[in-house]
Amino acid sequence: MYLTKEVKAEIFKKHGGKVENTGSTEGQIALFTHRINHLTGHLKKNHKDYNTERSLVKLVGKRRSLLDYMMKNDIVKYRELIKELGIRK
């Protein structure tokens, strides 16, 4: 499996502050970005997997709404996060 407990804990520790802080906006955006990158790689090999494509589009929409929320509340953290994760607007 591509997302083990250790990888998930590392993502939340790096972006959420603590491992237990799984509800932080930054941690969720980082987790979604990790999942989006994995699904993108999968779709490059399996271009007819339409269920995964639909899941990817939904996940990008969720991440976009969290990024919009973060941009409204804290523009400095938003800019740091998109630079760190390599997300383009």
N, C-alpha and C. Protein backbone atom coordinates (compact mmCIF):
# COMPACT_ATOMS: atom_id res chain seq x y z
N MET A 1 0.84 -1.18 0.00
CA MET A 1 0.00 0.00 0.00
C MET A 1 0.89 1.24 0.00
N TYR A 2 0.51 2.24 -0.72
CA TYR A 2 1.35 3.42 -0.89
C TYR A 2 1.30 4.36 0.30
N LEU A 3 0.25 4.31 1.11
CA LEU A 3 0.10 5.24 2.23
C LEU A 3 0.05 4.45 3.53
N THR A 4 1.20 4.27 4.15
CA THR A 4 1.27 3.54 5.40
C THR A 4 1.07 4.51 6.57
N LYS A 5 0.95 3.96 7.75
CA LYS A 5 0.78 4.79 8.95
C LYS A 5 1.98 5.72 9.14
N GLU A 6 3.16 5.20 8.83
CA GLU A 6 4.37 5.99 9.03
C GLU A 6 4.43 7.18 8.08
N VAL A 7 4.05 6.95 6.83
CA VAL A 7 4.06 8.03 5.84
C VAL A 7 3.03 9.09 6.22
N LYS A 8 1.86 8.64 6.64
CA LYS A 8 0.80 9.57 7.03
C LYS A 8 1.22 10.38 8.26
N ALA A 9 1.82 9.71 9.23
CA ALA A 9 2.28 10.40 10.43
C ALA A 9 3.37 11.41 10.10
N GLU A 10 4.24 11.06 9.17
CA GLU A 10 5.31 11.98 8.76
C GLU A 10 4.74 13.22 8.07
N ILE A 11 3.73 13.03 7.24
CA ILE A 11 3.10 14.16 6.55
C ILE A 11 2.46 15.10 7.56
N PHE A 12 1.72 14.56 8.53
CA PHE A 12 1.06 15.41 9.51
C PHE A 12 2.06 16.04 10.48
N LYS A 13 3.16 15.35 10.77
CA LYS A 13 4.17 15.94 11.64
C LYS A 13 4.86 17.11 10.95
N LYS A 14 5.12 16.95 9.67
CA LYS A 14 5.83 18.00 8.92
C LYS A 14 4.93 19.21 8.67
N HIS A 15 3.68 18.98 8.34
CA HIS A 15 2.81 20.08 7.93
C HIS A 15 1.77 20.47 8.98
N GLY A 16 1.39 19.56 9.85
CA GLY A 16 0.35 19.85 10.83
C GLY A 16 0.88 20.27 12.18
N GLY A 17 2.18 20.14 12.40
CA GLY A 17 2.75 20.48 13.67
C GLY A 17 3.00 19.25 14.52
N LYS A 18 1.96 18.47 14.80
CA LYS A 18 2.08 17.25 15.59
C LYS A 18 1.45 16.10 14.81
N VAL A 19 1.80 14.89 15.20
CA VAL A 19 1.24 13.70 14.54
C VAL A 19 -0.25 13.61 14.80
N GLU A 20 -0.68 14.03 16.00
CA GLU A 20 -2.09 13.92 16.37
C GLU A 20 -2.95 15.00 15.72
N ASN A 21 -2.34 16.00 15.15
CA ASN A 21 -3.08 17.13 14.58
C ASN A 21 -3.51 16.81 13.15
N THR A 22 -4.39 15.84 13.01
CA THR A 22 -4.80 15.40 11.67
C THR A 22 -5.89 16.29 11.07
N GLY A 23 -6.43 17.19 11.84
CA GLY A 23 -7.49 18.06 11.33
C GLY A 23 -7.00 19.38 10.81
N SER A 24 -5.69 19.63 10.89
CA SER A 24 -5.18 20.92 10.44
C SER A 24 -5.32 21.05 8.92
N THR A 25 -5.58 22.24 8.49
CA THR A 25 -5.77 22.50 7.07
C THR A 25 -4.50 22.18 6.29
N GLU A 26 -3.36 22.60 6.83
CA GLU A 26 -2.09 22.36 6.13
C GLU A 26 -1.81 20.87 5.99
N GLY A 27 -2.08 20.11 7.04
CA GLY A 27 -1.84 18.66 7.00
C GLY A 27 -2.75 17.97 6.00
N GLN A 28 -4.02 18.38 5.97
CA GLN A 28 -4.96 17.76 5.03
C GLN A 28 -4.59 18.09 3.59
N ILE A 29 -4.17 19.32 3.34
CA ILE A 29 -3.76 19.69 1.98
C ILE A 29 -2.54 18.89 1.56
N ALA A 30 -1.59 18.71 2.47
CA ALA A 30 -0.39 17.92 2.17
C ALA A 30 -0.75 16.46 1.90
N LEU A 31 -1.69 15.92 2.69
CA LEU A 31 -2.12 14.54 2.47
C LEU A 31 -2.84 14.39 1.13
N PHE A 32 -3.71 15.33 0.81
CA PHE A 32 -4.40 15.29 -0.48
C PHE A 32 -3.39 15.39 -1.62
N THR A 33 -2.37 16.22 -1.47
CA THR A 33 -1.36 16.37 -2.52
C THR A 33 -0.60 15.06 -2.72
N HIS A 34 -0.30 14.38 -1.62
CA HIS A 34 0.38 13.08 -1.73
C HIS A 34 -0.50 12.08 -2.48
N ARG A 35 -1.78 12.04 -2.14
CA ARG A 35 -2.71 11.12 -2.81
C ARG A 35 -2.90 11.50 -4.28
N ILE A 36 -2.97 12.79 -4.58
CA ILE A 36 -3.14 13.25 -5.96
C ILE A 36 -1.93 12.84 -6.80
N ASN A 37 -0.73 12.99 -6.25
CA ASN A 37 0.47 12.59 -6.98
C ASN A 37 0.48 11.09 -7.25
N HIS A 38 0.02 10.31 -6.28
CA HIS A 38 -0.03 8.86 -6.47
C HIS A 38 -1.05 8.48 -7.56
N LEU A 39 -2.23 9.09 -7.50
CA LEU A 39 -3.26 8.77 -8.49
C LEU A 39 -2.85 9.23 -9.89
N THR A 40 -2.14 10.34 -9.97
CA THR A 40 -1.67 10.82 -11.27
C THR A 40 -0.71 9.82 -11.90
N GLY A 41 0.19 9.29 -11.08
CA GLY A 41 1.11 8.27 -11.58
C GLY A 41 0.37 7.02 -12.03
N HIS A 42 -0.66 6.63 -11.29
CA HIS A 42 -1.45 5.46 -11.65
C HIS A 42 -2.16 5.69 -12.99
N LEU A 43 -2.69 6.90 -13.18
CA LEU A 43 -3.44 7.17 -14.41
C LEU A 43 -2.53 7.28 -15.63
N LYS A 44 -1.25 7.58 -15.43
CA LYS A 44 -0.33 7.61 -16.56
C LYS A 44 -0.15 6.21 -17.14
N LYS A 45 -0.22 5.20 -16.26
CA LYS A 45 -0.09 3.81 -16.73
C LYS A 45 -1.43 3.23 -17.18
N ASN A 46 -2.52 3.62 -16.52
CA ASN A 46 -3.84 3.06 -16.78
C ASN A 46 -4.79 4.17 -17.21
N HIS A 47 -4.66 4.60 -18.44
CA HIS A 47 -5.41 5.78 -18.89
C HIS A 47 -6.90 5.52 -19.07
N LYS A 48 -7.33 4.27 -19.05
CA LYS A 48 -8.77 3.98 -19.19
C LYS A 48 -9.46 3.73 -17.85
N ASP A 49 -8.78 3.98 -16.76
CA ASP A 49 -9.35 3.76 -15.43
C ASP A 49 -10.17 5.00 -15.06
N TYR A 50 -11.41 5.01 -15.46
CA TYR A 50 -12.25 6.19 -15.31
C TYR A 50 -12.70 6.40 -13.87
N ASN A 51 -12.81 5.33 -13.09
CA ASN A 51 -13.18 5.49 -11.68
C ASN A 51 -12.08 6.24 -10.92
N THR A 52 -10.84 5.90 -11.19
CA THR A 52 -9.74 6.60 -10.55
C THR A 52 -9.67 8.05 -11.03
N GLU A 53 -9.98 8.25 -12.29
CA GLU A 53 -9.98 9.62 -12.82
C GLU A 53 -11.03 10.47 -12.11
N ARG A 54 -12.19 9.89 -11.87
CA ARG A 54 -13.25 10.61 -11.16
C ARG A 54 -12.83 10.91 -9.72
N SER A 55 -12.20 9.94 -9.08
CA SER A 55 -11.71 10.14 -7.72
C SER A 55 -10.66 11.24 -7.66
N LEU A 56 -9.81 11.27 -8.67
CA LEU A 56 -8.78 12.30 -8.73
C LEU A 56 -9.39 13.69 -8.87
N VAL A 57 -10.39 13.82 -9.71
CA VAL A 57 -11.05 15.12 -9.91
C VAL A 57 -11.73 15.57 -8.62
N LYS A 58 -12.38 14.65 -7.92
CA LYS A 58 -13.03 14.99 -6.65
C LYS A 58 -12.00 15.42 -5.61
N LEU A 59 -10.87 14.72 -5.58
CA LEU A 59 -9.82 15.03 -4.61
C LEU A 59 -9.20 16.40 -4.90
N VAL A 60 -9.00 16.72 -6.16
CA VAL A 60 -8.47 18.03 -6.52
C VAL A 60 -9.45 19.12 -6.12
N GLY A 61 -10.73 18.88 -6.27
CA GLY A 61 -11.74 19.85 -5.85
C GLY A 61 -11.74 20.07 -4.35
N LYS A 62 -11.59 19.00 -3.58
CA LYS A 62 -11.51 19.12 -2.13
C LYS A 62 -10.28 19.93 -1.72
N ARG A 63 -9.15 19.62 -2.36
CA ARG A 63 -7.92 20.36 -2.04
C ARG A 63 -8.06 21.82 -2.41
N ARG A 64 -8.70 22.08 -3.55
CA ARG A 64 -8.88 23.46 -3.99
C ARG A 64 -9.74 24.25 -3.00
N SER A 65 -10.79 23.63 -2.47
CA SER A 65 -11.64 24.33 -1.51
C SER A 65 -10.89 24.59 -0.20
N LEU A 66 -10.06 23.64 0.24
CA LEU A 66 -9.25 23.87 1.43
C LEU A 66 -8.22 24.96 1.20
N LEU A 67 -7.64 25.00 0.00
CA LEU A 67 -6.68 26.06 -0.32
C LEU A 67 -7.36 27.42 -0.36
N ASP A 68 -8.58 27.49 -0.88
CA ASP A 68 -9.33 28.75 -0.89
C ASP A 68 -9.62 29.22 0.53
N TYR A 69 -9.99 28.27 1.41
CA TYR A 69 -10.24 28.60 2.81
C TYR A 69 -8.98 29.14 3.47
N MET A 70 -7.87 28.48 3.19
CA MET A 70 -6.61 28.90 3.79
C MET A 70 -6.17 30.26 3.26
N MET A 71 -6.43 30.51 1.98
CA MET A 71 -6.05 31.79 1.39
C MET A 71 -6.85 32.93 2.03
N LYS A 72 -8.12 32.68 2.33
CA LYS A 72 -8.95 33.71 2.96
C LYS A 72 -8.50 34.00 4.38
N ASN A 73 -8.05 32.97 5.11
CA ASN A 73 -7.74 33.14 6.52
C ASN A 73 -6.29 33.51 6.82
N ASP A 74 -5.34 32.95 6.07
CA ASP A 74 -3.94 33.24 6.34
C ASP A 74 -3.15 33.16 5.04
N ILE A 75 -2.98 34.30 4.38
CA ILE A 75 -2.36 34.35 3.05
C ILE A 75 -0.88 33.99 3.11
N VAL A 76 -0.20 34.29 4.23
CA VAL A 76 1.23 34.01 4.34
C VAL A 76 1.47 32.51 4.40
N LYS A 77 0.72 31.80 5.25
CA LYS A 77 0.86 30.34 5.33
C LYS A 77 0.46 29.69 4.01
N TYR A 78 -0.55 30.24 3.36
CA TYR A 78 -0.99 29.72 2.07
C TYR A 78 0.15 29.77 1.05
N ARG A 79 0.80 30.91 0.96
CA ARG A 79 1.90 31.06 0.00
C ARG A 79 3.07 30.14 0.32
N GLU A 80 3.39 30.00 1.62
CA GLU A 80 4.46 29.08 2.01
C GLU A 80 4.13 27.64 1.64
N LEU A 81 2.88 27.26 1.88
CA LEU A 81 2.47 25.87 1.64
C LEU A 81 2.48 25.53 0.15
N ILE A 82 1.95 26.41 -0.69
CA ILE A 82 1.93 26.08 -2.12
C ILE A 82 3.34 26.07 -2.70
N LYS A 83 4.23 26.89 -2.14
CA LYS A 83 5.62 26.87 -2.60
C LYS A 83 6.30 25.58 -2.18
N GLU A 84 6.04 25.15 -0.93
CA GLU A 84 6.67 23.94 -0.40
C GLU A 84 6.16 22.68 -1.10
N LEU A 85 4.86 22.63 -1.38
CA LEU A 85 4.29 21.43 -1.99
C LEU A 85 4.37 21.45 -3.52
N GLY A 86 4.72 22.59 -4.08
CA GLY A 86 4.83 22.69 -5.54
C GLY A 86 3.46 22.72 -6.23
N ILE A 87 2.49 23.34 -5.58
CA ILE A 87 1.15 23.45 -6.15
C ILE A 87 1.08 24.74 -6.94
N ARG A 88 0.49 24.69 -8.10
CA ARG A 88 0.33 25.91 -8.88
C ARG A 88 -1.11 26.37 -8.82
N LYS A 89 -1.33 27.64 -8.85
CA LYS A 89 -2.68 28.21 -8.76
C LYS A 89 -3.18 28.45 -10.15
